[in-house]
Amino acid sequence: QMQLVQSGGGSVQPGGSLRLSCAVVAYSDGSICMGWFRQAPGKEREAVGLSDIGGIYYIDSMKGRFIISRDNAKNTVYLQMNSLKPEDTAMYYCAALYGSCKLSGGSWLTHRGDFPFWGQGTQVTVSS
């Protein structure tokens, strides 16, 4: 089993920045793929980006303003969000699975069903 504990989030004005953290606790040895997802009211949960030992992958629409970083010593992954817009308002989740973020064929795991472990979610609200 694996447990993910999120922190950060809150309310910010358009153009502002926020950083989310996700700490991995209670895990087994092995490589871990970490992902950030978000879900706006009435919408499907969508991937923001992924991180594993091979690197970081961003969904095209998230490139540029969202930055994922990872501190393996702290077993923590971060999501830095810059130039936030009202449409970024959503519940943000971190997710994890044992192994790579990529399938053997090269495609990335970007569907919520690919990830068995989830953080508790944190609300991000962008509003003036």
C-alpha atoms as a PDB file:
ATOM      1  CA  GLN A   1       0.000   0.000   0.000  1.00  0.00           C
ATOM      2  CA  MET A   2       1.006   3.578  -0.412  1.00  0.00           C
ATOM      3  CA  GLN A   3      -0.305   6.738   1.188  1.00  0.00           C
ATOM      4  CA  LEU A   4      -0.110  10.205  -0.276  1.00  0.00           C
ATOM      5  CA  VAL A   5      -0.465  13.327   1.829  1.00  0.00           C
ATOM      6  CA  GLN A   6      -1.084  16.606   0.068  1.00  0.00           C
ATOM      7  CA  SER A   7      -0.519  20.148   1.283  1.00  0.00           C
ATOM      8  CA  GLY A   8      -0.709  23.621  -0.178  1.00  0.00           C
ATOM      9  CA  GLY A   9      -3.433  25.122  -2.291  1.00  0.00           C
ATOM     10  CA  GLY A  10      -5.893  27.821  -1.347  1.00  0.00           C
ATOM     11  CA  SER A  11      -7.178  30.973  -2.987  1.00  0.00           C
ATOM     12  CA  VAL A  12      -5.227  33.317  -5.206  1.00  0.00           C
ATOM     13  CA  GLN A  13      -5.935  36.164  -7.560  1.00  0.00           C
ATOM     14  CA  PRO A  14      -5.512  35.737 -11.312  1.00  0.00           C
ATOM     15  CA  GLY A  15      -1.865  35.925 -12.235  1.00  0.00           C
ATOM     16  CA  GLY A  16      -0.772  34.598  -8.881  1.00  0.00           C
ATOM     17  CA  SER A  17       1.157  31.471  -8.000  1.00  0.00           C
ATOM     18  CA  LEU A  18       0.683  28.510  -5.724  1.00  0.00           C
ATOM     19  CA  ARG A  19       2.702  25.436  -4.902  1.00  0.00           C
ATOM     20  CA  LEU A  20       1.238  22.093  -4.007  1.00  0.00           C
ATOM     21  CA  SER A  21       3.123  19.309  -2.274  1.00  0.00           C
ATOM     22  CA  CYS A  22       2.511  15.601  -2.148  1.00  0.00           C
ATOM     23  CA  ALA A  23       4.445  13.444   0.278  1.00  0.00           C
ATOM     24  CA  VAL A  24       4.613   9.716  -0.223  1.00  0.00           C
ATOM     25  CA  VAL A  25       4.366   7.812   3.034  1.00  0.00           C
ATOM     26  CA  ALA A  26       3.966   4.164   3.853  1.00  0.00           C
ATOM     27  CA  TYR A  27       5.305   2.771   0.621  1.00  0.00           C
ATOM     28  CA  SER A  28       7.233  -0.251  -0.512  1.00  0.00           C
ATOM     29  CA  ASP A  29      10.624  -0.131  -2.161  1.00  0.00           C
ATOM     30  CA  GLY A  30      10.678   0.359  -5.871  1.00  0.00           C
ATOM     31  CA  SER A  31      10.274   3.034  -8.456  1.00  0.00           C
ATOM     32  CA  ILE A  32       7.197   5.189  -8.219  1.00  0.00           C
ATOM     33  CA  CYS A  33       5.395   7.192 -10.859  1.00  0.00           C
ATOM     34  CA  MET A  34       3.806  10.324  -9.453  1.00  0.00           C
ATOM     35  CA  GLY A  35       1.096  12.259 -11.193  1.00  0.00           C
ATOM     36  CA  TRP A  36      -0.831  15.466 -10.699  1.00  0.00           C
ATOM     37  CA  PHE A  37      -4.446  15.642 -11.744  1.00  0.00           C
ATOM     38  CA  ARG A  38      -7.185  18.182 -11.361  1.00  0.00           C
ATOM     39  CA  GLN A  39     -10.940  18.154 -11.454  1.00  0.00           C
ATOM     40  CA  ALA A  40     -13.087  21.212 -11.946  1.00  0.00           C
ATOM     41  CA  PRO A  41     -16.755  21.174 -10.936  1.00  0.00           C
ATOM     42  CA  GLY A  42     -18.794  19.264 -13.459  1.00  0.00           C
ATOM     43  CA  LYS A  43     -15.762  18.121 -15.387  1.00  0.00           C
ATOM     44  CA  GLU A  44     -13.727  14.984 -15.703  1.00  0.00           C
ATOM     45  CA  ARG A  45     -10.517  14.560 -13.749  1.00  0.00           C
ATOM     46  CA  GLU A  46      -7.661  15.429 -16.065  1.00  0.00           C
ATOM     47  CA  ALA A  47      -3.944  14.898 -15.878  1.00  0.00           C
ATOM     48  CA  VAL A  48      -1.605  17.818 -15.395  1.00  0.00           C
ATOM     49  CA  GLY A  49       1.691  15.991 -15.554  1.00  0.00           C
ATOM     50  CA  LEU A  50       3.702  13.002 -14.457  1.00  0.00           C
ATOM     51  CA  SER A  51       7.066  12.333 -12.884  1.00  0.00           C
ATOM     52  CA  ASP A  52       9.133   9.200 -12.643  1.00  0.00           C
ATOM     53  CA  ILE A  53      12.775   8.236 -12.623  1.00  0.00           C
ATOM     54  CA  GLY A  54      12.869   8.794 -16.374  1.00  0.00           C
ATOM     55  CA  GLY A  55      11.727  12.378 -16.280  1.00  0.00           C
ATOM     56  CA  ILE A  56       8.735  14.658 -16.254  1.00  0.00           C
ATOM     57  CA  TYR A  57       5.888  14.753 -18.734  1.00  0.00           C
ATOM     58  CA  TYR A  58       3.323  17.524 -19.080  1.00  0.00           C
ATOM     59  CA  ILE A  59      -0.014  17.447 -20.773  1.00  0.00           C
ATOM     60  CA  ASP A  60       0.286  19.853 -23.696  1.00  0.00           C
ATOM     61  CA  SER A  61      -2.287  22.308 -22.367  1.00  0.00           C
ATOM     62  CA  MET A  62      -0.454  22.503 -19.035  1.00  0.00           C
ATOM     63  CA  LYS A  63       2.989  23.244 -20.403  1.00  0.00           C
ATOM     64  CA  GLY A  64       4.586  26.518 -19.492  1.00  0.00           C
ATOM     65  CA  ARG A  65       2.652  27.558 -16.397  1.00  0.00           C
ATOM     66  CA  PHE A  66       2.813  24.344 -14.391  1.00  0.00           C
ATOM     67  CA  ILE A  67       6.096  22.930 -13.163  1.00  0.00           C
ATOM     68  CA  ILE A  68       6.521  19.546 -11.528  1.00  0.00           C
ATOM     69  CA  SER A  69       9.538  18.817  -9.408  1.00  0.00           C
ATOM     70  CA  ARG A  70      10.491  15.949  -7.195  1.00  0.00           C
ATOM     71  CA  ASP A  71      12.633  15.603  -4.093  1.00  0.00           C
ATOM     72  CA  ASN A  72      13.439  11.926  -3.816  1.00  0.00           C
ATOM     73  CA  ALA A  73      15.177  12.389  -0.469  1.00  0.00           C
ATOM     74  CA  LYS A  74      11.918  13.685   0.974  1.00  0.00           C
ATOM     75  CA  ASN A  75       9.718  11.400  -1.103  1.00  0.00           C
ATOM     76  CA  THR A  76       7.814  14.468  -2.142  1.00  0.00           C
ATOM     77  CA  VAL A  77       6.615  15.786  -5.467  1.00  0.00           C
ATOM     78  CA  TYR A  78       5.639  19.389  -6.048  1.00  0.00           C
ATOM     79  CA  LEU A  79       3.397  21.239  -8.460  1.00  0.00           C
ATOM     80  CA  GLN A  80       4.332  24.870  -8.946  1.00  0.00           C
ATOM     81  CA  MET A  81       1.524  26.765 -10.624  1.00  0.00           C
ATOM     82  CA  ASN A  82       2.236  30.188 -12.090  1.00  0.00           C
ATOM     83  CA  SER A  83       0.183  32.815 -13.890  1.00  0.00           C
ATOM     84  CA  LEU A  84      -2.952  31.199 -12.588  1.00  0.00           C
ATOM     85  CA  LYS A  85      -6.237  31.780 -14.348  1.00  0.00           C
ATOM     86  CA  PRO A  86      -9.819  31.421 -13.123  1.00  0.00           C
ATOM     87  CA  GLU A  87     -10.161  28.338 -15.297  1.00  0.00           C
ATOM     88  CA  ASP A  88      -7.443  26.682 -13.218  1.00  0.00           C
ATOM     89  CA  THR A  89      -9.900  26.572 -10.327  1.00  0.00           C
ATOM     90  CA  ALA A  90     -10.271  22.916  -9.407  1.00  0.00           C
ATOM     91  CA  MET A  91      -9.555  20.243  -6.868  1.00  0.00           C
ATOM     92  CA  TYR A  92      -6.012  19.096  -7.401  1.00  0.00           C
ATOM     93  CA  TYR A  93      -4.934  15.556  -6.665  1.00  0.00           C
ATOM     94  CA  CYS A  94      -1.650  13.749  -6.609  1.00  0.00           C
ATOM     95  CA  ALA A  95      -1.606  10.122  -7.612  1.00  0.00           C
ATOM     96  CA  ALA A  96       0.920   7.331  -7.681  1.00  0.00           C
ATOM     97  CA  LEU A  97       1.644   3.873  -8.947  1.00  0.00           C
ATOM     98  CA  TYR A  98       4.548   1.505  -8.625  1.00  0.00           C
ATOM     99  CA  GLY A  99       6.654   1.466 -11.740  1.00  0.00           C
ATOM    100  CA  SER A 100       7.054   3.737 -14.719  1.00  0.00           C
ATOM    101  CA  CYS A 101       4.752   6.454 -15.936  1.00  0.00           C
ATOM    102  CA  LYS A 102       5.169   5.035 -19.413  1.00  0.00           C
ATOM    103  CA  LEU A 103       3.829   1.904 -20.980  1.00  0.00           C
ATOM    104  CA  SER A 104       6.252  -0.353 -22.803  1.00  0.00           C
ATOM    105  CA  GLY A 105       4.999   1.067 -26.075  1.00  0.00           C
ATOM    106  CA  GLY A 106       6.014   4.573 -25.051  1.00  0.00           C
ATOM    107  CA  SER A 107       2.649   6.134 -24.233  1.00  0.00           C
ATOM    108  CA  TRP A 108       2.219   7.886 -20.911  1.00  0.00           C
ATOM    109  CA  LEU A 109      -0.268   6.858 -18.260  1.00  0.00           C
ATOM    110  CA  THR A 110      -2.593   9.842 -18.074  1.00  0.00           C
ATOM    111  CA  HIS A 111      -5.935   8.330 -17.121  1.00  0.00           C
ATOM    112  CA  ARG A 112      -7.184   8.375 -13.560  1.00  0.00           C
ATOM    113  CA  GLY A 113      -7.878   4.667 -13.764  1.00  0.00           C
ATOM    114  CA  ASP A 114      -4.172   4.017 -14.272  1.00  0.00           C
ATOM    115  CA  PHE A 115      -3.379   5.169 -10.744  1.00  0.00           C
ATOM    116  CA  PRO A 116      -4.333   3.093  -7.699  1.00  0.00           C
ATOM    117  CA  PHE A 117      -3.123   5.513  -5.035  1.00  0.00           C
ATOM    118  CA  TRP A 118      -4.455   9.019  -4.490  1.00  0.00           C
ATOM    119  CA  GLY A 119      -3.928  11.950  -2.211  1.00  0.00           C
ATOM    120  CA  GLN A 120      -6.806  13.549  -0.387  1.00  0.00           C
ATOM    121  CA  GLY A 121      -7.089  16.431  -2.825  1.00  0.00           C
ATOM    122  CA  THR A 122      -6.619  20.137  -2.269  1.00  0.00           C
ATOM    123  CA  GLN A 123      -8.738  22.991  -3.523  1.00  0.00           C
ATOM    124  CA  VAL A 124      -7.252  25.702  -5.687  1.00  0.00           C
ATOM    125  CA  THR A 125      -9.443  28.732  -6.332  1.00  0.00           C
ATOM    126  CA  VAL A 126      -8.404  31.507  -8.680  1.00  0.00           C
ATOM    127  CA  SER A 127     -10.625  34.516  -8.377  1.00  0.00           C
ATOM    128  CA  SER A 128     -10.448  38.273  -8.193  1.00  0.00           C
END
